[in-house]
Amino acid sequence: MSLGRVLLVDDDEDIRATLGAVLQAEGFEVVEARNGLHALQQLMRNPLPLAILLDMTMPVMTGFEFLEIQKEDPRIRAIPVIAVTVHAKVADLPGVARVVRKPFDLEQLLAVLREVLAR
């Protein structure tokens, strides 16, 4: 039984593969996207996820640009976002449920995801 769908957005294929495998092993259904634009496309053609794990620094469309579009779209604005970033100064972002720093501990990220989903 699936714990629910999660949209994993990261331009690093290795991170998507590793984190995707861990999330699936934990019982989540994972939909992947390689940048913010691809994430929007995935949101339009798939059932909506329970949460979005969003890298903030990506080509084509950054996580910051994705958040601007998300907050304007009533269909997707309520989906909680966990921002994943290397930026040390990004502690609190409007529209973001939690911020996790890269490199991250997988157990920490899973705990944050569970906490966000429990809200």
C-alpha atoms as a PDB file:
ATOM      1  CA  MET A   1       0.000   0.000   0.000  1.00  0.00           C
ATOM      2  CA  SER A   2       1.380   3.398  -1.004  1.00  0.00           C
ATOM      3  CA  LEU A   3       1.900   6.132   1.573  1.00  0.00           C
ATOM      4  CA  GLY A   4       1.062   8.582  -1.194  1.00  0.00           C
ATOM      5  CA  ARG A   5       2.607  10.300  -4.174  1.00  0.00           C
ATOM      6  CA  VAL A   6       5.616  12.621  -3.847  1.00  0.00           C
ATOM      7  CA  LEU A   7       6.973  14.839  -6.627  1.00  0.00           C
ATOM      8  CA  LEU A   8      10.792  14.823  -6.541  1.00  0.00           C
ATOM      9  CA  VAL A   9      12.284  17.783  -8.427  1.00  0.00           C
ATOM     10  CA  ASP A  10      16.071  17.912  -8.893  1.00  0.00           C
ATOM     11  CA  ASP A  11      18.324  18.447 -11.889  1.00  0.00           C
ATOM     12  CA  ASP A  12      20.872  15.943 -10.530  1.00  0.00           C
ATOM     13  CA  GLU A  13      20.001  12.537 -11.964  1.00  0.00           C
ATOM     14  CA  ASP A  14      21.981  10.716  -9.251  1.00  0.00           C
ATOM     15  CA  ILE A  15      20.055  12.472  -6.476  1.00  0.00           C
ATOM     16  CA  ARG A  16      16.739  11.705  -8.186  1.00  0.00           C
ATOM     17  CA  ALA A  17      17.701   8.033  -8.593  1.00  0.00           C
ATOM     18  CA  THR A  18      18.995   7.584  -5.036  1.00  0.00           C
ATOM     19  CA  LEU A  19      16.306   9.568  -3.246  1.00  0.00           C
ATOM     20  CA  GLY A  20      13.601   8.134  -5.495  1.00  0.00           C
ATOM     21  CA  ALA A  21      14.676   4.588  -4.616  1.00  0.00           C
ATOM     22  CA  VAL A  22      14.714   5.408  -0.884  1.00  0.00           C
ATOM     23  CA  LEU A  23      11.262   7.004  -1.035  1.00  0.00           C
ATOM     24  CA  GLN A  24       9.868   4.013  -2.925  1.00  0.00           C
ATOM     25  CA  ALA A  25      11.422   1.621  -0.395  1.00  0.00           C
ATOM     26  CA  GLU A  26       9.677   3.637   2.348  1.00  0.00           C
ATOM     27  CA  GLY A  27       6.342   3.127   0.592  1.00  0.00           C
ATOM     28  CA  PHE A  28       5.905   6.324  -1.411  1.00  0.00           C
ATOM     29  CA  GLU A  29       4.963   6.559  -5.062  1.00  0.00           C
ATOM     30  CA  VAL A  30       7.534   8.856  -6.685  1.00  0.00           C
ATOM     31  CA  VAL A  31       7.093  11.096  -9.714  1.00  0.00           C
ATOM     32  CA  GLU A  32      10.342  12.722 -10.858  1.00  0.00           C
ATOM     33  CA  ALA A  33      11.061  16.024 -12.589  1.00  0.00           C
ATOM     34  CA  ARG A  34      14.409  17.466 -13.690  1.00  0.00           C
ATOM     35  CA  ASN A  35      13.557  21.180 -13.254  1.00  0.00           C
ATOM     36  CA  GLY A  36      10.713  23.497 -12.302  1.00  0.00           C
ATOM     37  CA  LEU A  37       9.160  23.523 -15.772  1.00  0.00           C
ATOM     38  CA  HIS A  38       9.194  19.729 -15.942  1.00  0.00           C
ATOM     39  CA  ALA A  39       7.616  19.692 -12.451  1.00  0.00           C
ATOM     40  CA  LEU A  40       4.742  21.868 -13.675  1.00  0.00           C
ATOM     41  CA  GLN A  41       4.268  19.523 -16.636  1.00  0.00           C
ATOM     42  CA  GLN A  42       4.215  16.502 -14.294  1.00  0.00           C
ATOM     43  CA  LEU A  43       1.643  18.221 -12.072  1.00  0.00           C
ATOM     44  CA  MET A  44      -0.627  18.844 -15.053  1.00  0.00           C
ATOM     45  CA  ARG A  45      -0.533  15.288 -16.405  1.00  0.00           C
ATOM     46  CA  ASN A  46      -0.463  13.195 -13.214  1.00  0.00           C
ATOM     47  CA  PRO A  47      -2.647  12.958 -10.101  1.00  0.00           C
ATOM     48  CA  LEU A  48      -1.489  15.571  -7.600  1.00  0.00           C
ATOM     49  CA  PRO A  49       1.159  14.577  -5.036  1.00  0.00           C
ATOM     50  CA  LEU A  50       0.844  14.901  -1.276  1.00  0.00           C
ATOM     51  CA  ALA A  51       4.137  16.850  -1.180  1.00  0.00           C
ATOM     52  CA  ILE A  52       6.869  18.261  -3.408  1.00  0.00           C
ATOM     53  CA  LEU A  53      10.599  17.879  -2.694  1.00  0.00           C
ATOM     54  CA  LEU A  54      12.044  20.839  -4.596  1.00  0.00           C
ATOM     55  CA  ASP A  55      15.671  21.621  -5.396  1.00  0.00           C
ATOM     56  CA  MET A  56      16.021  25.395  -5.499  1.00  0.00           C
ATOM     57  CA  THR A  57      18.942  25.700  -7.959  1.00  0.00           C
ATOM     58  CA  MET A  58      18.185  24.151 -11.351  1.00  0.00           C
ATOM     59  CA  PRO A  59      18.487  25.122 -15.011  1.00  0.00           C
ATOM     60  CA  VAL A  60      15.463  26.001 -17.187  1.00  0.00           C
ATOM     61  CA  MET A  61      13.262  26.946 -14.189  1.00  0.00           C
ATOM     62  CA  THR A  62      14.600  27.272 -10.645  1.00  0.00           C
ATOM     63  CA  GLY A  63      12.769  26.238  -7.517  1.00  0.00           C
ATOM     64  CA  PHE A  64      12.246  29.931  -6.727  1.00  0.00           C
ATOM     65  CA  GLU A  65      10.539  30.460 -10.107  1.00  0.00           C
ATOM     66  CA  PHE A  66       8.452  27.314  -9.589  1.00  0.00           C
ATOM     67  CA  LEU A  67       7.217  28.650  -6.223  1.00  0.00           C
ATOM     68  CA  GLU A  68       6.104  31.926  -7.833  1.00  0.00           C
ATOM     69  CA  ILE A  69       3.964  30.021 -10.337  1.00  0.00           C
ATOM     70  CA  GLN A  70       2.695  27.543  -7.745  1.00  0.00           C
ATOM     71  CA  LYS A  71       1.339  30.264  -5.453  1.00  0.00           C
ATOM     72  CA  GLU A  72      -0.705  31.714  -8.340  1.00  0.00           C
ATOM     73  CA  ASP A  73      -2.258  28.385  -9.385  1.00  0.00           C
ATOM     74  CA  PRO A  74      -5.243  27.379  -7.203  1.00  0.00           C
ATOM     75  CA  ARG A  75      -4.960  23.757  -8.343  1.00  0.00           C
ATOM     76  CA  ILE A  76      -1.441  23.264  -6.922  1.00  0.00           C
ATOM     77  CA  ARG A  77      -0.858  26.067  -4.406  1.00  0.00           C
ATOM     78  CA  ALA A  78      -1.909  23.996  -1.374  1.00  0.00           C
ATOM     79  CA  ILE A  79       0.611  21.194  -2.030  1.00  0.00           C
ATOM     80  CA  PRO A  80       3.282  21.449   0.680  1.00  0.00           C
ATOM     81  CA  VAL A  81       6.821  22.045  -0.583  1.00  0.00           C
ATOM     82  CA  ILE A  82      10.023  20.932   1.099  1.00  0.00           C
ATOM     83  CA  ALA A  83      12.835  23.065  -0.333  1.00  0.00           C
ATOM     84  CA  VAL A  84      16.166  21.292  -0.724  1.00  0.00           C
ATOM     85  CA  THR A  85      19.066  23.711  -1.131  1.00  0.00           C
ATOM     86  CA  VAL A  86      22.800  24.267  -0.811  1.00  0.00           C
ATOM     87  CA  HIS A  87      22.205  27.931   0.070  1.00  0.00           C
ATOM     88  CA  ALA A  88      23.113  28.438   3.721  1.00  0.00           C
ATOM     89  CA  LYS A  89      21.154  31.700   3.946  1.00  0.00           C
ATOM     90  CA  VAL A  90      17.849  30.190   2.847  1.00  0.00           C
ATOM     91  CA  ALA A  91      16.190  29.365   6.155  1.00  0.00           C
ATOM     92  CA  ASP A  92      12.624  30.422   5.512  1.00  0.00           C
ATOM     93  CA  LEU A  93      10.888  30.801   2.170  1.00  0.00           C
ATOM     94  CA  PRO A  94       7.331  31.999   1.621  1.00  0.00           C
ATOM     95  CA  GLY A  95       5.184  29.095   0.481  1.00  0.00           C
ATOM     96  CA  VAL A  96       7.627  26.465   1.740  1.00  0.00           C
ATOM     97  CA  ALA A  97       6.714  24.077   4.559  1.00  0.00           C
ATOM     98  CA  ARG A  98      10.339  23.250   5.461  1.00  0.00           C
ATOM     99  CA  VAL A  99      13.888  23.832   4.205  1.00  0.00           C
ATOM    100  CA  VAL A 100      16.459  21.010   4.137  1.00  0.00           C
ATOM    101  CA  ARG A 101      20.128  21.737   3.412  1.00  0.00           C
ATOM    102  CA  LYS A 102      22.238  19.797   0.923  1.00  0.00           C
ATOM    103  CA  PRO A 103      24.052  17.587   1.537  1.00  0.00           C
ATOM    104  CA  PHE A 104      21.268  16.051   3.580  1.00  0.00           C
ATOM    105  CA  ASP A 105      20.948  12.973   5.722  1.00  0.00           C
ATOM    106  CA  LEU A 106      18.348  10.622   4.213  1.00  0.00           C
ATOM    107  CA  GLU A 107      16.790   9.844   7.598  1.00  0.00           C
ATOM    108  CA  GLN A 108      16.490  13.561   8.350  1.00  0.00           C
ATOM    109  CA  LEU A 109      14.807  14.203   5.002  1.00  0.00           C
ATOM    110  CA  LEU A 110      12.386  11.305   5.539  1.00  0.00           C
ATOM    111  CA  ALA A 111      11.553  12.630   9.019  1.00  0.00           C
ATOM    112  CA  VAL A 112      10.842  16.096   7.581  1.00  0.00           C
ATOM    113  CA  LEU A 113       8.654  14.576   4.854  1.00  0.00           C
ATOM    114  CA  ARG A 114       6.665  12.560   7.404  1.00  0.00           C
ATOM    115  CA  GLU A 115       6.275  15.642   9.611  1.00  0.00           C
ATOM    116  CA  VAL A 116       4.989  17.745   6.704  1.00  0.00           C
ATOM    117  CA  LEU A 117       2.559  15.019   5.617  1.00  0.00           C
ATOM    118  CA  ALA A 118       1.226  14.653   9.178  1.00  0.00           C
ATOM    119  CA  ARG A 119       0.057  18.297   9.246  1.00  0.00           C
END
